[in-house]
């Protein structure tokens, strides 16, 4: 069987500058103890994680100026394939400050460069030429100025026209608009799912119900991430729960992107959802063991994989649903 090709789309890439300080002082002078640069953005992180695990991927998006060139050099050094659309303005830089004394982490994110109509059309033409090449597309992250808020709806619908499945990982209005196109998979966290469904999800049962409701909206696979408590994934046929072991967290940046990479690697190759969830949680957990925006290391993923508790809870959920229906009939 041929190896699946996973394309990623990052509309708002960034150069992540990770700085560590030993005791952050407000209104005072701080001297960093270390500084590292990483190529960043949701789709780019997914491609980096897929490449780390030996998967086949290409990253697409916009880059501009010396910062964009630095981003390309960093990806080239890692061996991650990319095909970016050049833009006139400068790629944004984000700052991640880790206080090693308190273990607190602060992010300062830029909004991103303005994308002109001509640049956006060049990107769309490039994307149309990749079909029917990829087996799966992962699109995610924020949308820079100049690009319409319904851009993910357009991307998903165009991919569908070529029979290509799409994973969407975004939030706020971009997620709400993209969901209208009924992507193959979405992975909101609990807060994002609450915003999408306009209700609170205080319990595990509420989260399971939310995932099933998202499936009813036309999403084939709805995954809700719960941080240290793992993920809940639902389709029309099954509900899966995957939970990681306790670990010491160094940085949560990129953990969600590594989770998406694990899902994509398995599902692009038509492997079971149970296995996809197990790898996803192993990769997400491995990511929190690394500093800054450094992502999961393959050795850590392989060590953690057998420690992930993964469970098919379909029967349990159906029983509770049936019981609740019966109880409502009594009242």
C-alpha atoms as a PDB file:
ATOM      1  CA  UNK A   1       0.000   0.000   0.000  1.00  0.00           C
ATOM      2  CA  UNK A   2       1.338   3.429  -0.945  1.00  0.00           C
ATOM      3  CA  UNK A   3       2.246   5.859   1.788  1.00  0.00           C
ATOM      4  CA  UNK A   4      -0.447   8.484   2.328  1.00  0.00           C
ATOM      5  CA  UNK A   5       0.370  12.085   1.462  1.00  0.00           C
ATOM      6  CA  UNK A   6      -0.797  14.721   3.970  1.00  0.00           C
ATOM      7  CA  UNK A   7      -0.820  18.359   2.876  1.00  0.00           C
ATOM      8  CA  UNK A   8      -1.047  21.123   5.464  1.00  0.00           C
ATOM      9  CA  UNK A   9      -2.259  24.689   5.018  1.00  0.00           C
ATOM     10  CA  UNK A  10      -1.078  27.511   7.289  1.00  0.00           C
ATOM     11  CA  UNK A  11      -2.576  30.817   6.238  1.00  0.00           C
ATOM     12  CA  UNK A  12      -0.802  32.751   9.009  1.00  0.00           C
ATOM     13  CA  UNK A  13       2.644  31.182   9.572  1.00  0.00           C
ATOM     14  CA  UNK A  14       4.981  32.613  12.156  1.00  0.00           C
ATOM     15  CA  UNK A  15       8.536  32.579  13.339  1.00  0.00           C
ATOM     16  CA  UNK A  16       8.320  31.520  16.982  1.00  0.00           C
ATOM     17  CA  UNK A  17      11.005  33.054  19.164  1.00  0.00           C
ATOM     18  CA  UNK A  18      11.269  31.143  22.434  1.00  0.00           C
ATOM     19  CA  UNK A  19      13.003  32.980  25.253  1.00  0.00           C
ATOM     20  CA  UNK A  20      13.749  31.625  28.730  1.00  0.00           C
ATOM     21  CA  UNK A  21      14.317  33.841  31.753  1.00  0.00           C
ATOM     22  CA  UNK A  22      15.138  32.904  35.325  1.00  0.00           C
ATOM     23  CA  UNK A  23      12.479  34.909  37.160  1.00  0.00           C
ATOM     24  CA  UNK A  24      10.467  37.319  34.998  1.00  0.00           C
ATOM     25  CA  UNK A  25      10.521  40.848  36.415  1.00  0.00           C
ATOM     26  CA  UNK A  26       7.653  43.199  35.530  1.00  0.00           C
ATOM     27  CA  UNK A  27       8.687  46.858  35.044  1.00  0.00           C
ATOM     28  CA  UNK A  28      12.334  45.829  35.259  1.00  0.00           C
ATOM     29  CA  UNK A  29      15.218  44.531  33.174  1.00  0.00           C
ATOM     30  CA  UNK A  30      15.129  40.878  32.162  1.00  0.00           C
ATOM     31  CA  UNK A  31      18.038  38.995  30.626  1.00  0.00           C
ATOM     32  CA  UNK A  32      17.277  35.823  28.746  1.00  0.00           C
ATOM     33  CA  UNK A  33      19.146  32.629  29.552  1.00  0.00           C
ATOM     34  CA  UNK A  34      18.436  31.007  26.183  1.00  0.00           C
ATOM     35  CA  UNK A  35      16.771  31.892  22.885  1.00  0.00           C
ATOM     36  CA  UNK A  36      15.692  29.618  20.025  1.00  0.00           C
ATOM     37  CA  UNK A  37      13.805  30.094  16.767  1.00  0.00           C
ATOM     38  CA  UNK A  38      11.189  27.685  15.371  1.00  0.00           C
ATOM     39  CA  UNK A  39       9.079  27.615  12.229  1.00  0.00           C
ATOM     40  CA  UNK A  40       5.518  27.921  13.549  1.00  0.00           C
ATOM     41  CA  UNK A  41       1.821  27.967  12.756  1.00  0.00           C
ATOM     42  CA  UNK A  42      -0.695  25.139  13.167  1.00  0.00           C
ATOM     43  CA  UNK A  43      -0.320  23.484   9.774  1.00  0.00           C
ATOM     44  CA  UNK A  44       3.457  23.879   9.780  1.00  0.00           C
ATOM     45  CA  UNK A  45       3.630  22.272  13.234  1.00  0.00           C
ATOM     46  CA  UNK A  46       1.515  19.382  11.943  1.00  0.00           C
ATOM     47  CA  UNK A  47       3.873  18.889   8.984  1.00  0.00           C
ATOM     48  CA  UNK A  48       6.907  19.010  11.295  1.00  0.00           C
ATOM     49  CA  UNK A  49       5.366  16.394  13.586  1.00  0.00           C
ATOM     50  CA  UNK A  50       4.350  14.148  10.674  1.00  0.00           C
ATOM     51  CA  UNK A  51       7.876  14.386   9.267  1.00  0.00           C
ATOM     52  CA  UNK A  52       9.353  13.521  12.675  1.00  0.00           C
ATOM     53  CA  UNK A  53       7.268  10.340  12.692  1.00  0.00           C
ATOM     54  CA  UNK A  54       8.397   9.368   9.189  1.00  0.00           C
ATOM     55  CA  UNK A  55       5.202  10.417   7.372  1.00  0.00           C
ATOM     56  CA  UNK A  56       4.906  12.078   3.969  1.00  0.00           C
ATOM     57  CA  UNK A  57       3.844  15.723   4.012  1.00  0.00           C
ATOM     58  CA  UNK A  58       4.112  19.119   2.320  1.00  0.00           C
ATOM     59  CA  UNK A  59       3.390  22.451   4.021  1.00  0.00           C
ATOM     60  CA  UNK A  60       1.550  25.204   2.127  1.00  0.00           C
ATOM     61  CA  UNK A  61       0.788  28.795   3.093  1.00  0.00           C
ATOM     62  CA  UNK A  62       2.137  32.347   2.819  1.00  0.00           C
ATOM     63  CA  UNK A  63       5.608  33.663   3.673  1.00  0.00           C
ATOM     64  CA  UNK A  64       7.213  37.043   3.143  1.00  0.00           C
ATOM     65  CA  UNK A  65      10.329  39.079   3.843  1.00  0.00           C
ATOM     66  CA  UNK A  66      13.503  38.056   5.693  1.00  0.00           C
ATOM     67  CA  UNK A  67      11.415  36.482   8.485  1.00  0.00           C
ATOM     68  CA  UNK A  68       9.650  34.266   5.961  1.00  0.00           C
ATOM     69  CA  UNK A  69      12.989  33.256   4.483  1.00  0.00           C
ATOM     70  CA  UNK A  70      14.250  32.334   7.964  1.00  0.00           C
ATOM     71  CA  UNK A  71      11.149  30.184   8.435  1.00  0.00           C
ATOM     72  CA  UNK A  72      11.890  28.356   5.159  1.00  0.00           C
ATOM     73  CA  UNK A  73      15.521  27.800   6.156  1.00  0.00           C
ATOM     74  CA  UNK A  74      14.444  26.305   9.496  1.00  0.00           C
ATOM     75  CA  UNK A  75      12.056  23.903   7.755  1.00  0.00           C
ATOM     76  CA  UNK A  76      14.723  23.018   5.194  1.00  0.00           C
ATOM     77  CA  UNK A  77      17.158  22.215   8.012  1.00  0.00           C
ATOM     78  CA  UNK A  78      14.568  19.839   9.493  1.00  0.00           C
ATOM     79  CA  UNK A  79      13.933  18.283   6.077  1.00  0.00           C
ATOM     80  CA  UNK A  80      10.259  19.257   6.033  1.00  0.00           C
ATOM     81  CA  UNK A  81       8.974  19.789   2.450  1.00  0.00           C
ATOM     82  CA  UNK A  82       7.149  23.065   1.760  1.00  0.00           C
ATOM     83  CA  UNK A  83       5.676  25.048  -1.125  1.00  0.00           C
ATOM     84  CA  UNK A  84       4.781  28.516   0.104  1.00  0.00           C
ATOM     85  CA  UNK A  85       3.195  31.405  -1.755  1.00  0.00           C
ATOM     86  CA  UNK A  86       5.388  34.532  -1.473  1.00  0.00           C
ATOM     87  CA  UNK A  87       3.839  37.761  -0.200  1.00  0.00           C
ATOM     88  CA  UNK A  88       5.085  41.339  -0.136  1.00  0.00           C
ATOM     89  CA  UNK A  89       4.748  41.908   3.605  1.00  0.00           C
ATOM     90  CA  UNK A  90       6.752  40.358   6.417  1.00  0.00           C
ATOM     91  CA  UNK A  91       5.839  37.043   8.048  1.00  0.00           C
ATOM     92  CA  UNK A  92       4.873  37.631  11.680  1.00  0.00           C
ATOM     93  CA  UNK A  93       7.035  36.813  14.709  1.00  0.00           C
ATOM     94  CA  UNK A  94       5.524  35.409  17.911  1.00  0.00           C
ATOM     95  CA  UNK A  95       7.270  35.435  21.272  1.00  0.00           C
ATOM     96  CA  UNK A  96       7.055  32.677  23.887  1.00  0.00           C
ATOM     97  CA  UNK A  97       8.598  33.590  27.226  1.00  0.00           C
ATOM     98  CA  UNK A  98       9.208  30.790  29.725  1.00  0.00           C
ATOM     99  CA  UNK A  99      10.037  31.682  33.309  1.00  0.00           C
ATOM    100  CA  UNK A 100      12.136  28.754  34.527  1.00  0.00           C
ATOM    101  CA  UNK A 101      11.773  29.887  38.145  1.00  0.00           C
ATOM    102  CA  UNK A 102       7.954  29.849  38.225  1.00  0.00           C
ATOM    103  CA  UNK A 103       7.383  27.493  35.245  1.00  0.00           C
ATOM    104  CA  UNK A 104       4.930  30.061  33.859  1.00  0.00           C
ATOM    105  CA  UNK A 105       4.776  30.602  30.107  1.00  0.00           C
ATOM    106  CA  UNK A 106       3.642  33.765  28.327  1.00  0.00           C
ATOM    107  CA  UNK A 107       2.791  34.050  24.621  1.00  0.00           C
ATOM    108  CA  UNK A 108       2.784  37.301  22.642  1.00  0.00           C
ATOM    109  CA  UNK A 109       1.276  36.657  19.204  1.00  0.00           C
ATOM    110  CA  UNK A 110       1.227  39.023  16.238  1.00  0.00           C
ATOM    111  CA  UNK A 111      -1.926  39.375  14.092  1.00  0.00           C
ATOM    112  CA  UNK A 112      -0.063  38.640  10.853  1.00  0.00           C
ATOM    113  CA  UNK A 113       0.660  40.494   7.599  1.00  0.00           C
ATOM    114  CA  UNK A 114      -1.991  41.815   5.236  1.00  0.00           C
ATOM    115  CA  UNK A 115      -2.588  39.430   2.304  1.00  0.00           C
ATOM    116  CA  UNK A 116      -3.557  41.177  -0.927  1.00  0.00           C
ATOM    117  CA  UNK A 117      -6.268  39.877  -3.227  1.00  0.00           C
ATOM    118  CA  UNK A 118      -3.644  39.039  -5.865  1.00  0.00           C
ATOM    119  CA  UNK A 119      -1.559  37.062  -3.343  1.00  0.00           C
ATOM    120  CA  UNK A 120      -4.619  35.164  -2.156  1.00  0.00           C
ATOM    121  CA  UNK A 121      -5.566  34.267  -5.736  1.00  0.00           C
ATOM    122  CA  UNK A 122      -2.022  33.021  -6.414  1.00  0.00           C
ATOM    123  CA  UNK A 123      -2.307  30.789  -3.359  1.00  0.00           C
ATOM    124  CA  UNK A 124      -5.679  29.419  -4.534  1.00  0.00           C
ATOM    125  CA  UNK A 125      -4.298  28.638  -7.986  1.00  0.00           C
ATOM    126  CA  UNK A 126      -1.378  26.796  -6.417  1.00  0.00           C
ATOM    127  CA  UNK A 127      -3.711  24.771  -4.217  1.00  0.00           C
ATOM    128  CA  UNK A 128      -5.910  23.829  -7.169  1.00  0.00           C
ATOM    129  CA  UNK A 129      -2.847  22.391  -8.914  1.00  0.00           C
ATOM    130  CA  UNK A 130      -2.074  19.963  -6.081  1.00  0.00           C
ATOM    131  CA  UNK A 131      -5.252  17.918  -6.637  1.00  0.00           C
ATOM    132  CA  UNK A 132      -5.811  15.017  -6.583  1.00  0.00           C
ATOM    133  CA  UNK A 133      -2.364  14.555  -4.982  1.00  0.00           C
ATOM    134  CA  UNK A 134      -2.943  14.593  -1.199  1.00  0.00           C
ATOM    135  CA  UNK A 135      -4.877  11.881   0.617  1.00  0.00           C
ATOM    136  CA  UNK A 136      -5.710  14.327   3.407  1.00  0.00           C
ATOM    137  CA  UNK A 137      -5.464  18.080   3.984  1.00  0.00           C
ATOM    138  CA  UNK A 138      -4.964  19.626   7.425  1.00  0.00           C
ATOM    139  CA  UNK A 139      -5.927  23.298   7.519  1.00  0.00           C
ATOM    140  CA  UNK A 140      -5.770  25.389  10.640  1.00  0.00           C
ATOM    141  CA  UNK A 141      -4.823  28.369  12.681  1.00  0.00           C
ATOM    142  CA  UNK A 142      -5.731  32.024  12.567  1.00  0.00           C
ATOM    143  CA  UNK A 143      -6.503  33.923   9.376  1.00  0.00           C
ATOM    144  CA  UNK A 144      -4.402  37.015   8.529  1.00  0.00           C
ATOM    145  CA  UNK A 145      -5.883  40.376   7.503  1.00  0.00           C
ATOM    146  CA  UNK A 146      -7.110  40.545   3.915  1.00  0.00           C
ATOM    147  CA  UNK A 147      -8.403  36.972   3.740  1.00  0.00           C
ATOM    148  CA  UNK A 148     -12.167  36.394   4.142  1.00  0.00           C
ATOM    149  CA  UNK A 149     -13.387  34.778   7.362  1.00  0.00           C
ATOM    150  CA  UNK A 150     -15.030  31.972   5.383  1.00  0.00           C
ATOM    151  CA  UNK A 151     -11.738  30.917   3.764  1.00  0.00           C
ATOM    152  CA  UNK A 152     -11.819  27.492   5.450  1.00  0.00           C
ATOM    153  CA  UNK A 153     -15.314  26.888   4.061  1.00  0.00           C
ATOM    154  CA  UNK A 154     -13.913  27.562   0.577  1.00  0.00           C
ATOM    155  CA  UNK A 155     -10.850  25.329   1.105  1.00  0.00           C
ATOM    156  CA  UNK A 156     -12.938  22.438   2.413  1.00  0.00           C
ATOM    157  CA  UNK A 157     -15.502  22.657  -0.391  1.00  0.00           C
ATOM    158  CA  UNK A 158     -12.799  22.809  -3.068  1.00  0.00           C
ATOM    159  CA  UNK A 159     -11.068  19.779  -1.555  1.00  0.00           C
ATOM    160  CA  UNK A 160     -14.372  17.901  -1.461  1.00  0.00           C
ATOM    161  CA  UNK A 161     -14.856  18.558  -5.172  1.00  0.00           C
ATOM    162  CA  UNK A 162     -11.703  16.486  -5.757  1.00  0.00           C
ATOM    163  CA  UNK A 163     -12.671  13.816  -3.227  1.00  0.00           C
ATOM    164  CA  UNK A 164     -10.010  14.887  -0.707  1.00  0.00           C
ATOM    165  CA  UNK A 165     -10.811  14.796   3.011  1.00  0.00           C
ATOM    166  CA  UNK A 166     -10.003  17.800   5.206  1.00  0.00           C
ATOM    167  CA  UNK A 167      -9.167  18.186   8.881  1.00  0.00           C
ATOM    168  CA  UNK A 168      -9.966  21.639  10.268  1.00  0.00           C
ATOM    169  CA  UNK A 169      -8.272  22.927  13.424  1.00  0.00           C
ATOM    170  CA  UNK A 170      -9.145  26.545  14.117  1.00  0.00           C
ATOM    171  CA  UNK A 171     -11.313  28.564  16.488  1.00  0.00           C
ATOM    172  CA  UNK A 172     -13.810  31.424  16.835  1.00  0.00           C
ATOM    173  CA  UNK A 173     -15.411  32.663  13.595  1.00  0.00           C
ATOM    174  CA  UNK A 174     -13.018  30.705  11.370  1.00  0.00           C
ATOM    175  CA  UNK A 175     -14.071  27.414  12.938  1.00  0.00           C
ATOM    176  CA  UNK A 176     -17.759  28.363  12.866  1.00  0.00           C
ATOM    177  CA  UNK A 177     -17.594  29.210   9.155  1.00  0.00           C
ATOM    178  CA  UNK A 178     -15.478  26.168   8.262  1.00  0.00           C
ATOM    179  CA  UNK A 179     -17.828  23.743  10.014  1.00  0.00           C
ATOM    180  CA  UNK A 180     -20.591  24.783   7.612  1.00  0.00           C
ATOM    181  CA  UNK A 181     -18.664  22.937   4.866  1.00  0.00           C
ATOM    182  CA  UNK A 182     -18.789  19.720   6.964  1.00  0.00           C
ATOM    183  CA  UNK A 183     -15.101  18.807   7.081  1.00  0.00           C
ATOM    184  CA  UNK A 184     -13.985  15.221   7.619  1.00  0.00           C
ATOM    185  CA  UNK A 185     -12.648  15.937  11.125  1.00  0.00           C
ATOM    186  CA  UNK A 186     -12.467  18.795  13.598  1.00  0.00           C
ATOM    187  CA  UNK A 187     -10.583  18.907  16.914  1.00  0.00           C
ATOM    188  CA  UNK A 188     -11.741  21.758  19.135  1.00  0.00           C
ATOM    189  CA  UNK A 189     -10.696  21.865  22.764  1.00  0.00           C
ATOM    190  CA  UNK A 190     -13.436  22.073  25.384  1.00  0.00           C
ATOM    191  CA  UNK A 191     -13.532  25.887  25.343  1.00  0.00           C
ATOM    192  CA  UNK A 192     -13.718  25.986  21.548  1.00  0.00           C
ATOM    193  CA  UNK A 193     -16.441  23.319  21.493  1.00  0.00           C
ATOM    194  CA  UNK A 194     -18.430  25.321  24.053  1.00  0.00           C
ATOM    195  CA  UNK A 195     -18.208  28.376  21.798  1.00  0.00           C
ATOM    196  CA  UNK A 196     -19.193  26.376  18.725  1.00  0.00           C
ATOM    197  CA  UNK A 197     -22.217  24.782  20.407  1.00  0.00           C
ATOM    198  CA  UNK A 198     -23.066  27.781  22.603  1.00  0.00           C
ATOM    199  CA  UNK A 199     -23.268  25.770  25.817  1.00  0.00           C
ATOM    200  CA  UNK A 200     -21.050  24.738  28.726  1.00  0.00           C
ATOM    201  CA  UNK A 201     -19.459  21.278  28.840  1.00  0.00           C
ATOM    202  CA  UNK A 202     -18.741  20.714  32.535  1.00  0.00           C
ATOM    203  CA  UNK A 203     -18.580  16.895  32.563  1.00  0.00           C
ATOM    204  CA  UNK A 204     -17.228  14.030  30.515  1.00  0.00           C
ATOM    205  CA  UNK A 205     -20.764  13.005  29.569  1.00  0.00           C
ATOM    206  CA  UNK A 206     -21.461  16.541  28.358  1.00  0.00           C
ATOM    207  CA  UNK A 207     -18.312  16.404  26.229  1.00  0.00           C
ATOM    208  CA  UNK A 208     -19.317  13.039  24.743  1.00  0.00           C
ATOM    209  CA  UNK A 209     -22.769  14.433  23.931  1.00  0.00           C
ATOM    210  CA  UNK A 210     -21.138  17.482  22.332  1.00  0.00           C
ATOM    211  CA  UNK A 211     -18.927  15.303  20.111  1.00  0.00           C
ATOM    212  CA  UNK A 212     -21.989  13.299  19.006  1.00  0.00           C
ATOM    213  CA  UNK A 213     -23.915  16.519  18.325  1.00  0.00           C
ATOM    214  CA  UNK A 214     -21.063  17.727  16.102  1.00  0.00           C
ATOM    215  CA  UNK A 215     -21.267  14.449  14.183  1.00  0.00           C
ATOM    216  CA  UNK A 216     -24.989  15.068  13.721  1.00  0.00           C
ATOM    217  CA  UNK A 217     -24.070  18.417  12.164  1.00  0.00           C
ATOM    218  CA  UNK A 218     -22.304  16.545   9.360  1.00  0.00           C
ATOM    219  CA  UNK A 219     -18.771  16.171  10.741  1.00  0.00           C
ATOM    220  CA  UNK A 220     -17.583  12.613  10.100  1.00  0.00           C
ATOM    221  CA  UNK A 221     -15.219  12.549  13.097  1.00  0.00           C
ATOM    222  CA  UNK A 222     -15.518  14.996  16.005  1.00  0.00           C
ATOM    223  CA  UNK A 223     -12.600  15.041  18.447  1.00  0.00           C
ATOM    224  CA  UNK A 224     -12.668  17.166  21.594  1.00  0.00           C
ATOM    225  CA  UNK A 225      -9.342  17.591  23.367  1.00  0.00           C
ATOM    226  CA  UNK A 226      -9.264  17.844  27.160  1.00  0.00           C
ATOM    227  CA  UNK A 227      -5.643  18.650  27.960  1.00  0.00           C
ATOM    228  CA  UNK A 228      -4.179  16.276  30.545  1.00  0.00           C
ATOM    229  CA  UNK A 229      -7.401  14.225  30.403  1.00  0.00           C
ATOM    230  CA  UNK A 230      -6.814  13.256  26.769  1.00  0.00           C
ATOM    231  CA  UNK A 231      -9.428  13.250  24.017  1.00  0.00           C
ATOM    232  CA  UNK A 232     -12.960  12.113  23.238  1.00  0.00           C
ATOM    233  CA  UNK A 233     -13.586  11.134  19.595  1.00  0.00           C
ATOM    234  CA  UNK A 234     -16.953  10.306  18.043  1.00  0.00           C
ATOM    235  CA  UNK A 235     -18.352   9.097  14.732  1.00  0.00           C
ATOM    236  CA  UNK A 236     -21.832   7.833  13.903  1.00  0.00           C
ATOM    237  CA  UNK A 237     -20.633   4.310  14.731  1.00  0.00           C
ATOM    238  CA  UNK A 238     -18.303   4.692  17.714  1.00  0.00           C
ATOM    239  CA  UNK A 239     -17.096   6.782  20.621  1.00  0.00           C
ATOM    240  CA  UNK A 240     -13.465   6.516  21.733  1.00  0.00           C
ATOM    241  CA  UNK A 241     -11.730   7.853  24.826  1.00  0.00           C
ATOM    242  CA  UNK A 242      -7.932   8.118  25.078  1.00  0.00           C
ATOM    243  CA  UNK A 243      -6.120   9.251  28.238  1.00  0.00           C
ATOM    244  CA  UNK A 244      -2.368   9.847  28.736  1.00  0.00           C
ATOM    245  CA  UNK A 245      -0.299   8.979  31.805  1.00  0.00           C
ATOM    246  CA  UNK A 246       0.683  11.822  34.166  1.00  0.00           C
ATOM    247  CA  UNK A 247       3.798  13.648  32.925  1.00  0.00           C
ATOM    248  CA  UNK A 248       5.814  16.707  33.895  1.00  0.00           C
ATOM    249  CA  UNK A 249       4.793  19.537  31.561  1.00  0.00           C
ATOM    250  CA  UNK A 250       7.561  21.723  30.121  1.00  0.00           C
ATOM    251  CA  UNK A 251       5.493  23.524  27.474  1.00  0.00           C
ATOM    252  CA  UNK A 252       1.983  23.068  26.104  1.00  0.00           C
ATOM    253  CA  UNK A 253       2.758  24.926  22.864  1.00  0.00           C
ATOM    254  CA  UNK A 254       2.270  22.639  19.867  1.00  0.00           C
ATOM    255  CA  UNK A 255       0.642  19.801  21.814  1.00  0.00           C
ATOM    256  CA  UNK A 256      -2.659  20.186  19.959  1.00  0.00           C
ATOM    257  CA  UNK A 257      -0.879  20.272  16.610  1.00  0.00           C
ATOM    258  CA  UNK A 258       0.965  17.050  17.443  1.00  0.00           C
ATOM    259  CA  UNK A 259      -2.374  15.501  18.404  1.00  0.00           C
ATOM    260  CA  UNK A 260      -3.741  16.424  14.977  1.00  0.00           C
ATOM    261  CA  UNK A 261      -0.633  14.959  13.330  1.00  0.00           C
ATOM    262  CA  UNK A 262      -1.222  11.634  15.080  1.00  0.00           C
ATOM    263  CA  UNK A 263      -4.840  11.536  13.956  1.00  0.00           C
ATOM    264  CA  UNK A 264      -3.871  12.444  10.390  1.00  0.00           C
ATOM    265  CA  UNK A 265      -1.104   9.840  10.156  1.00  0.00           C
ATOM    266  CA  UNK A 266      -3.423   6.976  11.035  1.00  0.00           C
ATOM    267  CA  UNK A 267      -6.638   8.130   9.383  1.00  0.00           C
ATOM    268  CA  UNK A 268      -4.945   9.038   6.080  1.00  0.00           C
ATOM    269  CA  UNK A 269      -3.920   5.381   5.883  1.00  0.00           C
ATOM    270  CA  UNK A 270      -7.463   4.178   6.711  1.00  0.00           C
ATOM    271  CA  UNK A 271      -6.439   2.771  10.102  1.00  0.00           C
ATOM    272  CA  UNK A 272      -8.952   2.371  12.975  1.00  0.00           C
ATOM    273  CA  UNK A 273     -10.070   5.365  15.019  1.00  0.00           C
ATOM    274  CA  UNK A 274      -8.931   3.606  18.208  1.00  0.00           C
ATOM    275  CA  UNK A 275      -5.349   3.455  16.905  1.00  0.00           C
ATOM    276  CA  UNK A 276      -5.537   7.026  15.616  1.00  0.00           C
ATOM    277  CA  UNK A 277      -6.581   8.282  19.055  1.00  0.00           C
ATOM    278  CA  UNK A 278      -3.830   6.324  20.772  1.00  0.00           C
ATOM    279  CA  UNK A 279      -1.121   7.787  18.524  1.00  0.00           C
ATOM    280  CA  UNK A 280      -2.672  11.260  18.731  1.00  0.00           C
ATOM    281  CA  UNK A 281      -2.559  11.333  22.524  1.00  0.00           C
ATOM    282  CA  UNK A 282       0.947   9.839  22.594  1.00  0.00           C
ATOM    283  CA  UNK A 283       2.178  12.589  20.253  1.00  0.00           C
ATOM    284  CA  UNK A 284       0.343  15.353  22.107  1.00  0.00           C
ATOM    285  CA  UNK A 285       1.763  14.140  25.412  1.00  0.00           C
ATOM    286  CA  UNK A 286       5.274  13.833  23.979  1.00  0.00           C
ATOM    287  CA  UNK A 287       5.028  17.466  22.864  1.00  0.00           C
ATOM    288  CA  UNK A 288       4.526  18.776  26.409  1.00  0.00           C
ATOM    289  CA  UNK A 289       7.803  17.136  27.441  1.00  0.00           C
ATOM    290  CA  UNK A 290       9.774  19.476  25.164  1.00  0.00           C
ATOM    291  CA  UNK A 291      10.600  23.164  25.761  1.00  0.00           C
ATOM    292  CA  UNK A 292       9.165  26.144  23.891  1.00  0.00           C
ATOM    293  CA  UNK A 293       7.634  25.283  20.547  1.00  0.00           C
ATOM    294  CA  UNK A 294       9.807  22.228  20.129  1.00  0.00           C
ATOM    295  CA  UNK A 295       7.464  19.407  19.123  1.00  0.00           C
ATOM    296  CA  UNK A 296       7.146  15.708  19.927  1.00  0.00           C
ATOM    297  CA  UNK A 297      10.228  13.534  19.573  1.00  0.00           C
ATOM    298  CA  UNK A 298       9.688  10.150  17.958  1.00  0.00           C
ATOM    299  CA  UNK A 299      11.509   8.296  20.769  1.00  0.00           C
ATOM    300  CA  UNK A 300       9.188   9.846  23.371  1.00  0.00           C
ATOM    301  CA  UNK A 301       6.111   8.970  21.290  1.00  0.00           C
ATOM    302  CA  UNK A 302       7.172   5.339  20.981  1.00  0.00           C
ATOM    303  CA  UNK A 303       7.864   5.158  24.736  1.00  0.00           C
ATOM    304  CA  UNK A 304       4.503   6.706  25.639  1.00  0.00           C
ATOM    305  CA  UNK A 305       2.360   4.818  23.105  1.00  0.00           C
ATOM    306  CA  UNK A 306       1.799   1.661  25.240  1.00  0.00           C
ATOM    307  CA  UNK A 307       1.011   3.878  28.252  1.00  0.00           C
ATOM    308  CA  UNK A 308      -1.965   5.556  26.582  1.00  0.00           C
ATOM    309  CA  UNK A 309      -5.217   4.190  27.957  1.00  0.00           C
ATOM    310  CA  UNK A 310      -7.567   3.942  24.988  1.00  0.00           C
ATOM    311  CA  UNK A 311     -11.127   2.673  25.310  1.00  0.00           C
ATOM    312  CA  UNK A 312     -14.090   2.118  23.012  1.00  0.00           C
ATOM    313  CA  UNK A 313     -16.954   3.564  25.071  1.00  0.00           C
ATOM    314  CA  UNK A 314     -19.617   3.208  22.367  1.00  0.00           C
ATOM    315  CA  UNK A 315     -21.647   0.585  24.248  1.00  0.00           C
ATOM    316  CA  UNK A 316     -21.463   2.567  27.486  1.00  0.00           C
ATOM    317  CA  UNK A 317     -22.674   5.716  25.762  1.00  0.00           C
ATOM    318  CA  UNK A 318     -25.519   3.977  23.921  1.00  0.00           C
ATOM    319  CA  UNK A 319     -26.698   2.376  27.168  1.00  0.00           C
ATOM    320  CA  UNK A 320     -26.742   5.745  28.953  1.00  0.00           C
ATOM    321  CA  UNK A 321     -28.555   7.384  26.042  1.00  0.00           C
ATOM    322  CA  UNK A 322     -31.178   4.621  26.048  1.00  0.00           C
ATOM    323  CA  UNK A 323     -31.592   4.867  29.824  1.00  0.00           C
ATOM    324  CA  UNK A 324     -31.978   8.647  29.685  1.00  0.00           C
ATOM    325  CA  UNK A 325     -34.597   8.318  26.936  1.00  0.00           C
ATOM    326  CA  UNK A 326     -36.510   5.749  28.974  1.00  0.00           C
ATOM    327  CA  UNK A 327     -36.321   7.919  32.089  1.00  0.00           C
ATOM    328  CA  UNK A 328     -37.654  10.928  30.163  1.00  0.00           C
ATOM    329  CA  UNK A 329     -40.622   8.762  29.113  1.00  0.00           C
ATOM    330  CA  UNK A 330     -41.425   8.114  32.788  1.00  0.00           C
ATOM    331  CA  UNK A 331     -41.593  11.803  33.675  1.00  0.00           C
END
